[in-house]
Amino acid sequence: MQTPTTRINDFLAAAKPYLTDGGLETTLIFHYELDLPCFAAFPLIDTHEGRGHLERYYESFVKLALKSRTGFVLDAPTWRASPEWGAELGYGSDDLARVNRESVEFTHFLRNKWETKTTPILVNGVIGPRGDGYISEEAMSRDEAEAFHAPQILALADGGVDLVTAVTMTNAAEAVGIARAAISRDVPVVISFTVETDGCLPSGLALKDAITEVDDATGGSILYFMINCAHPDHYSDKVAGGDAWRLRLGGLRSNASRLSHAELDNAETLDAGDPDEFGRLHQDLTNQLPNIRVLGGCCGTDDRHIRCVAHHNTPSHTNEHRT
């Protein structure tokens, strides 16, 4: 039986990027026609029907990894399973810890069902921002963020994650706090920032400066950084060039739509963009970013988009290209 450390080492040494899923919440809302109060998927863990929807959703993406003979990062549906969002949905601290653990246990069940020698699966505990992932509200200090997110990280670790990923981060201070909470519990941690149409974080900080700030504050202990919840056109020019900070980018989970966060927040219909163009744009990005290890999607993307990403991803991503 592989240990989490062995799984992470194999992942980092893999010849091809692992695939992951697309836009979980938008797919469940617009394609499965489910009601997700607070844009939260984790309450689905509490019903047999809800788990069935999640299994069906994840399976459509794992099949792509199996076909591509590459690994897969399987996310627990815990993006909103933090104290304030949980309280809004009627989950107290004990119940919230339980649903985080059970979410991870559910992903272990799916891994045992689907994993093969050519498609290893990492179990990833997903952590979302304290507030709205589209808005940089009054930021917590690093210490406040560490204390706020620590209970969820502990619950995810108790459930048995291989790593945790802070997704849709809008500012550097909260990212630092999450990272410190994970590092103190010996859990590998990934930080994924979102950016506006100008390529900067909602806080106004440049992506380069956000990555540098988190790395400096954590002694470079972040496994890698990601970009999510933005169309490739919103950040492709920011990651072009030869600056060393770009080598810290290890994952991309883009939106299907070119709309801004504000426009998406007010949209009543789903903008799925062009899946084939989505795949080609990611091929261009991976040609520029040699250390990309995870490719997936965010809002508006589904298995069509990830199929195109897998199809267009260049086979030139080998170990020799990794830095």
C-alpha atoms as a PDB file:
ATOM      1  CA  MET A   1       0.000   0.000   0.000  1.00  0.00           C
ATOM      2  CA  GLN A   2       1.415   3.365  -1.032  1.00  0.00           C
ATOM      3  CA  THR A   3       1.918   6.064   1.568  1.00  0.00           C
ATOM      4  CA  PRO A   4       0.871   9.669   0.882  1.00  0.00           C
ATOM      5  CA  THR A   5       4.557  10.624   0.665  1.00  0.00           C
ATOM      6  CA  THR A   6       5.212   7.966  -1.979  1.00  0.00           C
ATOM      7  CA  ARG A   7       2.169   9.083  -3.925  1.00  0.00           C
ATOM      8  CA  ILE A   8       3.291  12.722  -3.866  1.00  0.00           C
ATOM      9  CA  ASN A   9       6.828  11.810  -4.942  1.00  0.00           C
ATOM     10  CA  ASP A  10       5.504   9.725  -7.829  1.00  0.00           C
ATOM     11  CA  PHE A  11       3.208  12.579  -8.817  1.00  0.00           C
ATOM     12  CA  LEU A  12       6.021  15.112  -8.855  1.00  0.00           C
ATOM     13  CA  ALA A  13       8.173  12.778 -10.969  1.00  0.00           C
ATOM     14  CA  ALA A  14       5.422  11.816 -13.433  1.00  0.00           C
ATOM     15  CA  ALA A  15       6.194  12.137 -17.138  1.00  0.00           C
ATOM     16  CA  LYS A  16       2.827  13.745 -17.911  1.00  0.00           C
ATOM     17  CA  PRO A  17       0.621  16.159 -15.974  1.00  0.00           C
ATOM     18  CA  TYR A  18      -2.203  14.625 -13.976  1.00  0.00           C
ATOM     19  CA  LEU A  19      -5.727  15.512 -15.013  1.00  0.00           C
ATOM     20  CA  THR A  20      -8.390  16.699 -12.608  1.00  0.00           C
ATOM     21  CA  ASP A  21     -12.062  17.632 -12.880  1.00  0.00           C
ATOM     22  CA  GLY A  22     -13.787  20.762 -14.190  1.00  0.00           C
ATOM     23  CA  GLY A  23     -16.337  23.079 -12.658  1.00  0.00           C
ATOM     24  CA  LEU A  24     -17.969  20.943  -9.971  1.00  0.00           C
ATOM     25  CA  GLU A  25     -20.541  23.419  -8.721  1.00  0.00           C
ATOM     26  CA  THR A  26     -21.489  24.905 -12.101  1.00  0.00           C
ATOM     27  CA  THR A  27     -21.867  21.415 -13.602  1.00  0.00           C
ATOM     28  CA  LEU A  28     -24.069  20.257 -10.741  1.00  0.00           C
ATOM     29  CA  ILE A  29     -26.225  23.387 -10.962  1.00  0.00           C
ATOM     30  CA  PHE A  30     -26.552  23.856 -14.720  1.00  0.00           C
ATOM     31  CA  HIS A  31     -26.184  20.305 -16.064  1.00  0.00           C
ATOM     32  CA  TYR A  32     -27.488  18.189 -13.173  1.00  0.00           C
ATOM     33  CA  GLU A  33     -30.052  20.859 -12.204  1.00  0.00           C
ATOM     34  CA  LEU A  34     -29.248  20.578  -8.499  1.00  0.00           C
ATOM     35  CA  ASP A  35     -29.872  23.295  -5.943  1.00  0.00           C
ATOM     36  CA  LEU A  36     -26.611  24.179  -4.172  1.00  0.00           C
ATOM     37  CA  PRO A  37     -27.250  26.848  -1.510  1.00  0.00           C
ATOM     38  CA  CYS A  38     -24.175  29.016  -0.978  1.00  0.00           C
ATOM     39  CA  PHE A  39     -22.631  27.324  -4.037  1.00  0.00           C
ATOM     40  CA  ALA A  40     -21.693  24.449  -1.690  1.00  0.00           C
ATOM     41  CA  ALA A  41     -21.338  20.851  -2.831  1.00  0.00           C
ATOM     42  CA  PHE A  42     -20.271  19.282   0.468  1.00  0.00           C
ATOM     43  CA  PRO A  43     -23.845  18.756   1.817  1.00  0.00           C
ATOM     44  CA  LEU A  44     -24.305  16.178  -0.957  1.00  0.00           C
ATOM     45  CA  ILE A  45     -22.083  13.875   1.112  1.00  0.00           C
ATOM     46  CA  ASP A  46     -24.907  13.567   3.648  1.00  0.00           C
ATOM     47  CA  THR A  47     -27.340  11.743   1.332  1.00  0.00           C
ATOM     48  CA  HIS A  48     -27.153   8.593  -0.745  1.00  0.00           C
ATOM     49  CA  GLU A  49     -28.573  10.489  -3.719  1.00  0.00           C
ATOM     50  CA  GLY A  50     -26.041  13.277  -3.297  1.00  0.00           C
ATOM     51  CA  ARG A  51     -23.121  10.845  -3.244  1.00  0.00           C
ATOM     52  CA  GLY A  52     -24.509   9.274  -6.393  1.00  0.00           C
ATOM     53  CA  HIS A  53     -24.420  12.633  -8.181  1.00  0.00           C
ATOM     54  CA  LEU A  54     -20.845  13.220  -7.045  1.00  0.00           C
ATOM     55  CA  GLU A  55     -19.705   9.755  -8.155  1.00  0.00           C
ATOM     56  CA  ARG A  56     -21.288  10.231 -11.574  1.00  0.00           C
ATOM     57  CA  TYR A  57     -19.628  13.619 -11.909  1.00  0.00           C
ATOM     58  CA  TYR A  58     -16.125  12.476 -10.941  1.00  0.00           C
ATOM     59  CA  GLU A  59     -16.334   9.301 -13.008  1.00  0.00           C
ATOM     60  CA  SER A  60     -16.750  11.288 -16.219  1.00  0.00           C
ATOM     61  CA  PHE A  61     -13.334  12.871 -15.618  1.00  0.00           C
ATOM     62  CA  VAL A  62     -11.520   9.803 -14.288  1.00  0.00           C
ATOM     63  CA  LYS A  63     -12.464   8.002 -17.512  1.00  0.00           C
ATOM     64  CA  LEU A  64     -10.484  10.635 -19.423  1.00  0.00           C
ATOM     65  CA  ALA A  65      -7.413  10.008 -17.256  1.00  0.00           C
ATOM     66  CA  LEU A  66      -7.780   6.256 -17.728  1.00  0.00           C
ATOM     67  CA  LYS A  67      -7.956   6.726 -21.491  1.00  0.00           C
ATOM     68  CA  SER A  68      -4.958   9.080 -21.453  1.00  0.00           C
ATOM     69  CA  ARG A  69      -3.011   6.746 -19.144  1.00  0.00           C
ATOM     70  CA  THR A  70      -2.162   9.595 -16.828  1.00  0.00           C
ATOM     71  CA  GLY A  71      -2.760  10.255 -13.154  1.00  0.00           C
ATOM     72  CA  PHE A  72      -5.730  12.034 -11.628  1.00  0.00           C
ATOM     73  CA  VAL A  73      -6.181  14.466  -8.730  1.00  0.00           C
ATOM     74  CA  LEU A  74      -9.483  13.608  -7.053  1.00  0.00           C
ATOM     75  CA  ASP A  75     -10.871  16.549  -5.091  1.00  0.00           C
ATOM     76  CA  ALA A  76     -12.999  16.181  -1.993  1.00  0.00           C
ATOM     77  CA  PRO A  77     -16.065  18.459  -2.482  1.00  0.00           C
ATOM     78  CA  THR A  78     -15.064  20.649   0.466  1.00  0.00           C
ATOM     79  CA  TRP A  79     -14.469  24.093  -1.074  1.00  0.00           C
ATOM     80  CA  ARG A  80     -17.244  25.632   1.054  1.00  0.00           C
ATOM     81  CA  ALA A  81     -16.841  23.330   4.086  1.00  0.00           C
ATOM     82  CA  SER A  82     -15.296  26.002   6.310  1.00  0.00           C
ATOM     83  CA  PRO A  83     -16.688  27.543   9.535  1.00  0.00           C
ATOM     84  CA  GLU A  84     -18.642  30.555   8.265  1.00  0.00           C
ATOM     85  CA  TRP A  85     -20.075  28.930   5.152  1.00  0.00           C
ATOM     86  CA  GLY A  86     -20.845  25.803   7.171  1.00  0.00           C
ATOM     87  CA  ALA A  87     -22.688  27.828   9.818  1.00  0.00           C
ATOM     88  CA  GLU A  88     -24.753  29.511   7.114  1.00  0.00           C
ATOM     89  CA  LEU A  89     -25.822  26.051   5.963  1.00  0.00           C
ATOM     90  CA  GLY A  90     -26.613  24.818   9.482  1.00  0.00           C
ATOM     91  CA  TYR A  91     -23.393  22.909  10.210  1.00  0.00           C
ATOM     92  CA  GLY A  92     -21.851  23.369  13.646  1.00  0.00           C
ATOM     93  CA  SER A  93     -18.156  22.793  14.276  1.00  0.00           C
ATOM     94  CA  ASP A  94     -18.475  19.087  15.107  1.00  0.00           C
ATOM     95  CA  ASP A  95     -20.765  18.380  12.169  1.00  0.00           C
ATOM     96  CA  LEU A  96     -18.520  20.320   9.852  1.00  0.00           C
ATOM     97  CA  ALA A  97     -15.469  18.333  10.954  1.00  0.00           C
ATOM     98  CA  ARG A  98     -17.451  15.147  10.339  1.00  0.00           C
ATOM     99  CA  VAL A  99     -18.522  16.107   6.820  1.00  0.00           C
ATOM    100  CA  ASN A 100     -14.947  17.073   5.910  1.00  0.00           C
ATOM    101  CA  ARG A 101     -13.681  13.697   7.102  1.00  0.00           C
ATOM    102  CA  GLU A 102     -16.480  11.839   5.354  1.00  0.00           C
ATOM    103  CA  SER A 103     -15.847  13.753   2.136  1.00  0.00           C
ATOM    104  CA  VAL A 104     -12.266  12.504   2.146  1.00  0.00           C
ATOM    105  CA  GLU A 105     -13.366   8.985   3.029  1.00  0.00           C
ATOM    106  CA  PHE A 106     -15.762   9.107   0.071  1.00  0.00           C
ATOM    107  CA  THR A 107     -12.933  10.062  -2.293  1.00  0.00           C
ATOM    108  CA  HIS A 108     -10.896   7.148  -0.901  1.00  0.00           C
ATOM    109  CA  PHE A 109     -13.818   4.873  -1.772  1.00  0.00           C
ATOM    110  CA  LEU A 110     -13.799   6.237  -5.326  1.00  0.00           C
ATOM    111  CA  ARG A 111     -10.025   5.879  -5.599  1.00  0.00           C
ATOM    112  CA  ASN A 112     -10.198   2.243  -4.550  1.00  0.00           C
ATOM    113  CA  LYS A 113     -12.844   1.721  -7.213  1.00  0.00           C
ATOM    114  CA  TRP A 114     -11.095   3.432 -10.129  1.00  0.00           C
ATOM    115  CA  GLU A 115      -7.327   3.535  -9.615  1.00  0.00           C
ATOM    116  CA  THR A 116      -5.049   1.528 -11.917  1.00  0.00           C
ATOM    117  CA  LYS A 117      -1.292   1.195 -12.321  1.00  0.00           C
ATOM    118  CA  THR A 118      -1.326   3.651 -15.220  1.00  0.00           C
ATOM    119  CA  THR A 119      -3.781   6.036 -13.549  1.00  0.00           C
ATOM    120  CA  PRO A 120      -2.684   6.698  -9.965  1.00  0.00           C
ATOM    121  CA  ILE A 121      -5.089   8.902  -8.030  1.00  0.00           C
ATOM    122  CA  LEU A 122      -4.246  11.557  -5.449  1.00  0.00           C
ATOM    123  CA  VAL A 123      -6.861  12.430  -2.822  1.00  0.00           C
ATOM    124  CA  ASN A 124      -6.947  16.212  -2.474  1.00  0.00           C
ATOM    125  CA  GLY A 125      -8.651  18.170   0.291  1.00  0.00           C
ATOM    126  CA  VAL A 126     -10.009  21.416  -1.160  1.00  0.00           C
ATOM    127  CA  ILE A 127     -10.084  24.597   0.932  1.00  0.00           C
ATOM    128  CA  GLY A 128     -11.895  27.717  -0.201  1.00  0.00           C
ATOM    129  CA  PRO A 129     -11.575  31.346   0.879  1.00  0.00           C
ATOM    130  CA  ARG A 130     -13.304  32.578   3.999  1.00  0.00           C
ATOM    131  CA  GLY A 131     -15.399  34.963   1.941  1.00  0.00           C
ATOM    132  CA  ASP A 132     -16.522  35.161  -1.651  1.00  0.00           C
ATOM    133  CA  GLY A 133     -14.013  33.726  -4.104  1.00  0.00           C
ATOM    134  CA  TYR A 134     -14.792  36.534  -6.535  1.00  0.00           C
ATOM    135  CA  ILE A 135     -14.330  39.436  -4.135  1.00  0.00           C
ATOM    136  CA  SER A 136     -11.367  40.489  -2.023  1.00  0.00           C
ATOM    137  CA  GLU A 137     -13.145  41.586   1.114  1.00  0.00           C
ATOM    138  CA  GLU A 138     -11.412  42.903   4.213  1.00  0.00           C
ATOM    139  CA  ALA A 139      -8.493  40.533   4.418  1.00  0.00           C
ATOM    140  CA  MET A 140      -7.624  38.571   7.513  1.00  0.00           C
ATOM    141  CA  SER A 141      -4.124  38.761   8.880  1.00  0.00           C
ATOM    142  CA  ARG A 142      -1.895  35.747   8.371  1.00  0.00           C
ATOM    143  CA  ASP A 143      -2.414  34.667  11.977  1.00  0.00           C
ATOM    144  CA  GLU A 144      -6.194  35.068  11.741  1.00  0.00           C
ATOM    145  CA  ALA A 145      -6.287  33.037   8.551  1.00  0.00           C
ATOM    146  CA  GLU A 146      -4.197  30.266  10.069  1.00  0.00           C
ATOM    147  CA  ALA A 147      -6.525  30.004  13.080  1.00  0.00           C
ATOM    148  CA  PHE A 148      -9.662  30.187  10.924  1.00  0.00           C
ATOM    149  CA  HIS A 149      -8.680  27.456   8.461  1.00  0.00           C
ATOM    150  CA  ALA A 150      -6.854  25.129  10.873  1.00  0.00           C
ATOM    151  CA  PRO A 151      -9.949  23.117  11.950  1.00  0.00           C
ATOM    152  CA  GLN A 152     -10.834  22.216   8.360  1.00  0.00           C
ATOM    153  CA  ILE A 153      -7.255  21.264   7.556  1.00  0.00           C
ATOM    154  CA  LEU A 154      -7.146  19.064  10.665  1.00  0.00           C
ATOM    155  CA  ALA A 155     -10.386  17.334   9.660  1.00  0.00           C
ATOM    156  CA  LEU A 156      -9.147  16.771   6.107  1.00  0.00           C
ATOM    157  CA  ALA A 157      -5.877  15.388   7.451  1.00  0.00           C
ATOM    158  CA  ASP A 158      -7.785  13.085   9.811  1.00  0.00           C
ATOM    159  CA  GLY A 159      -9.765  11.849   6.810  1.00  0.00           C
ATOM    160  CA  GLY A 160      -6.530  10.857   5.074  1.00  0.00           C
ATOM    161  CA  VAL A 161      -5.795  13.361   2.294  1.00  0.00           C
ATOM    162  CA  ASP A 162      -2.581  13.133   0.306  1.00  0.00           C
ATOM    163  CA  LEU A 163      -2.475  16.928   0.051  1.00  0.00           C
ATOM    164  CA  VAL A 164      -4.645  20.012   0.485  1.00  0.00           C
ATOM    165  CA  THR A 165      -5.199  22.782  -2.045  1.00  0.00           C
ATOM    166  CA  ALA A 166      -6.398  26.275  -1.216  1.00  0.00           C
ATOM    167  CA  VAL A 167      -8.491  27.220  -4.226  1.00  0.00           C
ATOM    168  CA  THR A 168      -9.693  30.623  -5.505  1.00  0.00           C
ATOM    169  CA  MET A 169      -7.457  32.600  -3.191  1.00  0.00           C
ATOM    170  CA  THR A 170      -8.010  36.342  -3.576  1.00  0.00           C
ATOM    171  CA  ASN A 171      -5.153  37.658  -1.429  1.00  0.00           C
ATOM    172  CA  ALA A 172      -1.746  36.593  -0.187  1.00  0.00           C
ATOM    173  CA  ALA A 173      -2.324  36.902   3.581  1.00  0.00           C
ATOM    174  CA  GLU A 174      -5.081  34.274   3.659  1.00  0.00           C
ATOM    175  CA  ALA A 175      -2.969  31.994   1.477  1.00  0.00           C
ATOM    176  CA  VAL A 176      -0.048  32.305   3.896  1.00  0.00           C
ATOM    177  CA  GLY A 177      -2.290  31.462   6.857  1.00  0.00           C
ATOM    178  CA  ILE A 178      -3.664  28.353   5.157  1.00  0.00           C
ATOM    179  CA  ALA A 179      -0.186  27.267   4.165  1.00  0.00           C
ATOM    180  CA  ARG A 180       1.142  27.641   7.697  1.00  0.00           C
ATOM    181  CA  ALA A 181      -1.781  25.665   9.124  1.00  0.00           C
ATOM    182  CA  ALA A 182      -1.129  22.810   6.699  1.00  0.00           C
ATOM    183  CA  ILE A 183       2.640  22.851   7.098  1.00  0.00           C
ATOM    184  CA  SER A 184       2.322  22.716  10.899  1.00  0.00           C
ATOM    185  CA  ARG A 185       0.378  19.476  10.468  1.00  0.00           C
ATOM    186  CA  ASP A 186       2.832  18.018   7.916  1.00  0.00           C
ATOM    187  CA  VAL A 187       0.242  18.117   5.141  1.00  0.00           C
ATOM    188  CA  PRO A 188       1.556  18.993   1.657  1.00  0.00           C
ATOM    189  CA  VAL A 189      -0.154  22.185   0.509  1.00  0.00           C
ATOM    190  CA  VAL A 190      -0.846  23.841  -2.831  1.00  0.00           C
ATOM    191  CA  ILE A 191      -1.994  27.445  -3.246  1.00  0.00           C
ATOM    192  CA  SER A 192      -4.218  28.404  -6.171  1.00  0.00           C
ATOM    193  CA  PHE A 193      -4.856  32.081  -6.863  1.00  0.00           C
ATOM    194  CA  THR A 194      -7.660  33.523  -8.925  1.00  0.00           C
ATOM    195  CA  VAL A 195      -7.146  36.621 -11.052  1.00  0.00           C
ATOM    196  CA  GLU A 196      -9.308  39.279 -12.650  1.00  0.00           C
ATOM    197  CA  THR A 197      -9.368  40.077 -16.370  1.00  0.00           C
ATOM    198  CA  ASP A 198      -6.192  42.158 -15.888  1.00  0.00           C
ATOM    199  CA  GLY A 199      -4.273  39.162 -14.564  1.00  0.00           C
ATOM    200  CA  CYS A 200      -4.049  40.542 -11.008  1.00  0.00           C
ATOM    201  CA  LEU A 201      -5.635  39.088  -7.874  1.00  0.00           C
ATOM    202  CA  PRO A 202      -8.963  40.613  -6.761  1.00  0.00           C
ATOM    203  CA  SER A 203      -6.920  42.337  -4.037  1.00  0.00           C
ATOM    204  CA  GLY A 204      -5.033  44.140  -6.801  1.00  0.00           C
ATOM    205  CA  LEU A 205      -1.753  42.315  -6.136  1.00  0.00           C
ATOM    206  CA  ALA A 206       0.149  41.052  -9.168  1.00  0.00           C
ATOM    207  CA  LEU A 207       0.278  37.259  -9.482  1.00  0.00           C
ATOM    208  CA  LYS A 208       4.074  37.337  -9.463  1.00  0.00           C
ATOM    209  CA  ASP A 209       4.105  39.325  -6.212  1.00  0.00           C
ATOM    210  CA  ALA A 210       1.507  37.063  -4.569  1.00  0.00           C
ATOM    211  CA  ILE A 211       3.528  33.944  -5.292  1.00  0.00           C
ATOM    212  CA  THR A 212       6.722  35.609  -4.116  1.00  0.00           C
ATOM    213  CA  GLU A 213       5.081  36.827  -0.901  1.00  0.00           C
ATOM    214  CA  VAL A 214       3.732  33.380  -0.001  1.00  0.00           C
ATOM    215  CA  ASP A 215       7.019  31.678  -0.846  1.00  0.00           C
ATOM    216  CA  ASP A 216       8.971  34.165   1.263  1.00  0.00           C
ATOM    217  CA  ALA A 217       6.581  33.744   4.208  1.00  0.00           C
ATOM    218  CA  THR A 218       6.720  29.947   4.122  1.00  0.00           C
ATOM    219  CA  GLY A 219      10.331  29.341   3.209  1.00  0.00           C
ATOM    220  CA  GLY A 220       9.363  27.943  -0.180  1.00  0.00           C
ATOM    221  CA  SER A 221       7.420  25.107   1.465  1.00  0.00           C
ATOM    222  CA  ILE A 222       4.417  25.269  -0.881  1.00  0.00           C
ATOM    223  CA  LEU A 223       4.337  22.193  -3.116  1.00  0.00           C
ATOM    224  CA  TYR A 224       3.501  24.411  -6.093  1.00  0.00           C
ATOM    225  CA  PHE A 225       1.136  27.218  -7.066  1.00  0.00           C
ATOM    226  CA  MET A 226      -1.878  27.187  -9.358  1.00  0.00           C
ATOM    227  CA  ILE A 227      -4.189  29.570 -11.189  1.00  0.00           C
ATOM    228  CA  ASN A 228      -7.926  28.904 -11.184  1.00  0.00           C
ATOM    229  CA  CYS A 229     -11.256  30.581 -11.906  1.00  0.00           C
ATOM    230  CA  ALA A 230     -10.004  32.796 -14.750  1.00  0.00           C
ATOM    231  CA  HIS A 231      -9.967  32.351 -18.519  1.00  0.00           C
ATOM    232  CA  PRO A 232      -6.503  31.762 -20.057  1.00  0.00           C
ATOM    233  CA  ASP A 233      -6.776  35.093 -21.872  1.00  0.00           C
ATOM    234  CA  HIS A 234      -6.890  36.825 -18.485  1.00  0.00           C
ATOM    235  CA  TYR A 235      -3.441  35.664 -17.419  1.00  0.00           C
ATOM    236  CA  SER A 236      -1.521  34.207 -20.374  1.00  0.00           C
ATOM    237  CA  ASP A 237       0.490  37.389 -20.938  1.00  0.00           C
ATOM    238  CA  LYS A 238       1.388  37.544 -17.238  1.00  0.00           C
ATOM    239  CA  VAL A 239       3.023  34.104 -17.262  1.00  0.00           C
ATOM    240  CA  ALA A 240       4.926  34.608 -20.507  1.00  0.00           C
ATOM    241  CA  GLY A 241       8.676  35.123 -20.390  1.00  0.00           C
ATOM    242  CA  GLY A 242      11.562  33.627 -18.501  1.00  0.00           C
ATOM    243  CA  ASP A 243      11.139  34.899 -14.927  1.00  0.00           C
ATOM    244  CA  ALA A 244      12.030  32.319 -12.289  1.00  0.00           C
ATOM    245  CA  TRP A 245       8.734  32.709 -10.384  1.00  0.00           C
ATOM    246  CA  ARG A 246       6.896  31.093 -13.312  1.00  0.00           C
ATOM    247  CA  LEU A 247       8.612  27.814 -12.475  1.00  0.00           C
ATOM    248  CA  ARG A 248       6.549  27.702  -9.270  1.00  0.00           C
ATOM    249  CA  LEU A 249       3.330  27.365 -11.295  1.00  0.00           C
ATOM    250  CA  GLY A 250       2.329  23.714 -11.222  1.00  0.00           C
ATOM    251  CA  GLY A 251      -1.364  23.691 -12.091  1.00  0.00           C
ATOM    252  CA  LEU A 252      -4.037  25.382 -14.210  1.00  0.00           C
ATOM    253  CA  ARG A 253      -7.798  25.224 -13.661  1.00  0.00           C
ATOM    254  CA  SER A 254      -9.258  27.855 -15.946  1.00  0.00           C
ATOM    255  CA  ASN A 255     -12.781  29.115 -16.544  1.00  0.00           C
ATOM    256  CA  ALA A 256     -14.557  28.313 -19.799  1.00  0.00           C
ATOM    257  CA  SER A 257     -15.806  31.887 -20.127  1.00  0.00           C
ATOM    258  CA  ARG A 258     -13.967  35.120 -20.855  1.00  0.00           C
ATOM    259  CA  LEU A 259     -16.450  37.008 -18.663  1.00  0.00           C
ATOM    260  CA  SER A 260     -15.207  38.835 -15.588  1.00  0.00           C
ATOM    261  CA  HIS A 261     -15.954  37.590 -12.087  1.00  0.00           C
ATOM    262  CA  ALA A 262     -18.641  40.254 -11.669  1.00  0.00           C
ATOM    263  CA  GLU A 263     -20.288  39.265 -14.949  1.00  0.00           C
ATOM    264  CA  LEU A 264     -20.190  35.571 -14.060  1.00  0.00           C
ATOM    265  CA  ASP A 265     -21.663  36.281 -10.645  1.00  0.00           C
ATOM    266  CA  ASN A 266     -24.698  37.896 -12.268  1.00  0.00           C
ATOM    267  CA  ALA A 267     -25.074  35.434 -15.149  1.00  0.00           C
ATOM    268  CA  GLU A 268     -28.299  33.436 -15.303  1.00  0.00           C
ATOM    269  CA  THR A 269     -27.067  31.056 -18.002  1.00  0.00           C
ATOM    270  CA  LEU A 270     -23.866  29.053 -18.261  1.00  0.00           C
ATOM    271  CA  ASP A 271     -21.172  30.295 -20.637  1.00  0.00           C
ATOM    272  CA  ALA A 272     -19.325  27.114 -21.622  1.00  0.00           C
ATOM    273  CA  GLY A 273     -17.130  28.819 -24.217  1.00  0.00           C
ATOM    274  CA  ASP A 274     -15.447  26.650 -26.860  1.00  0.00           C
ATOM    275  CA  PRO A 275     -14.066  23.377 -25.443  1.00  0.00           C
ATOM    276  CA  ASP A 276     -11.650  22.783 -28.327  1.00  0.00           C
ATOM    277  CA  GLU A 277     -10.275  26.306 -28.109  1.00  0.00           C
ATOM    278  CA  PHE A 278      -9.964  25.752 -24.340  1.00  0.00           C
ATOM    279  CA  GLY A 279      -7.776  22.721 -24.984  1.00  0.00           C
ATOM    280  CA  ARG A 280      -5.599  24.527 -27.524  1.00  0.00           C
ATOM    281  CA  LEU A 281      -5.097  27.498 -25.229  1.00  0.00           C
ATOM    282  CA  HIS A 282      -3.842  25.158 -22.530  1.00  0.00           C
ATOM    283  CA  GLN A 283      -1.411  23.562 -24.937  1.00  0.00           C
ATOM    284  CA  ASP A 284       0.029  27.029 -25.555  1.00  0.00           C
ATOM    285  CA  LEU A 285       0.272  27.605 -21.805  1.00  0.00           C
ATOM    286  CA  THR A 286       1.959  24.298 -20.999  1.00  0.00           C
ATOM    287  CA  ASN A 287       4.507  24.984 -23.726  1.00  0.00           C
ATOM    288  CA  GLN A 288       5.409  28.159 -21.817  1.00  0.00           C
ATOM    289  CA  LEU A 289       5.229  26.701 -18.305  1.00  0.00           C
ATOM    290  CA  PRO A 290       7.534  23.673 -17.969  1.00  0.00           C
ATOM    291  CA  ASN A 291       6.491  22.655 -14.444  1.00  0.00           C
ATOM    292  CA  ILE A 292       2.749  22.212 -14.938  1.00  0.00           C
ATOM    293  CA  ARG A 293       1.719  19.026 -13.130  1.00  0.00           C
ATOM    294  CA  VAL A 294      -2.096  19.364 -13.001  1.00  0.00           C
ATOM    295  CA  LEU A 295      -4.563  20.344 -15.710  1.00  0.00           C
ATOM    296  CA  GLY A 296      -8.272  20.754 -15.141  1.00  0.00           C
ATOM    297  CA  GLY A 297     -11.037  23.320 -15.275  1.00  0.00           C
ATOM    298  CA  CYS A 298     -13.122  25.658 -13.171  1.00  0.00           C
ATOM    299  CA  CYS A 299     -16.422  27.501 -13.671  1.00  0.00           C
ATOM    300  CA  GLY A 300     -18.313  26.477 -16.790  1.00  0.00           C
ATOM    301  CA  THR A 301     -16.049  23.567 -17.711  1.00  0.00           C
ATOM    302  CA  ASP A 302     -17.126  19.944 -17.851  1.00  0.00           C
ATOM    303  CA  ASP A 303     -15.755  16.688 -19.245  1.00  0.00           C
ATOM    304  CA  ARG A 304     -15.850  18.098 -22.805  1.00  0.00           C
ATOM    305  CA  HIS A 305     -13.301  20.752 -21.887  1.00  0.00           C
ATOM    306  CA  ILE A 306     -10.996  18.371 -20.047  1.00  0.00           C
ATOM    307  CA  ARG A 307     -11.224  15.891 -22.926  1.00  0.00           C
ATOM    308  CA  CYS A 308      -9.927  18.640 -25.209  1.00  0.00           C
ATOM    309  CA  VAL A 309      -7.207  19.563 -22.709  1.00  0.00           C
ATOM    310  CA  ALA A 310      -6.087  15.929 -22.647  1.00  0.00           C
ATOM    311  CA  HIS A 311      -6.198  15.745 -26.453  1.00  0.00           C
ATOM    312  CA  HIS A 312      -4.188  18.912 -27.048  1.00  0.00           C
ATOM    313  CA  ASN A 313      -1.697  18.532 -24.212  1.00  0.00           C
ATOM    314  CA  THR A 314       1.703  18.154 -25.784  1.00  0.00           C
ATOM    315  CA  PRO A 315       3.576  14.876 -25.146  1.00  0.00           C
ATOM    316  CA  SER A 316       6.800  16.892 -24.743  1.00  0.00           C
ATOM    317  CA  HIS A 317       6.080  17.177 -20.982  1.00  0.00           C
ATOM    318  CA  THR A 318       8.654  14.720 -19.692  1.00  0.00           C
ATOM    319  CA  ASN A 319      10.772  14.627 -16.584  1.00  0.00           C
ATOM    320  CA  GLU A 320      13.677  16.178 -18.474  1.00  0.00           C
ATOM    321  CA  HIS A 321      11.621  19.352 -18.921  1.00  0.00           C
ATOM    322  CA  ARG A 322      10.860  19.713 -15.230  1.00  0.00           C
ATOM    323  CA  THR A 323      12.863  22.118 -13.113  1.00  0.00           C
END
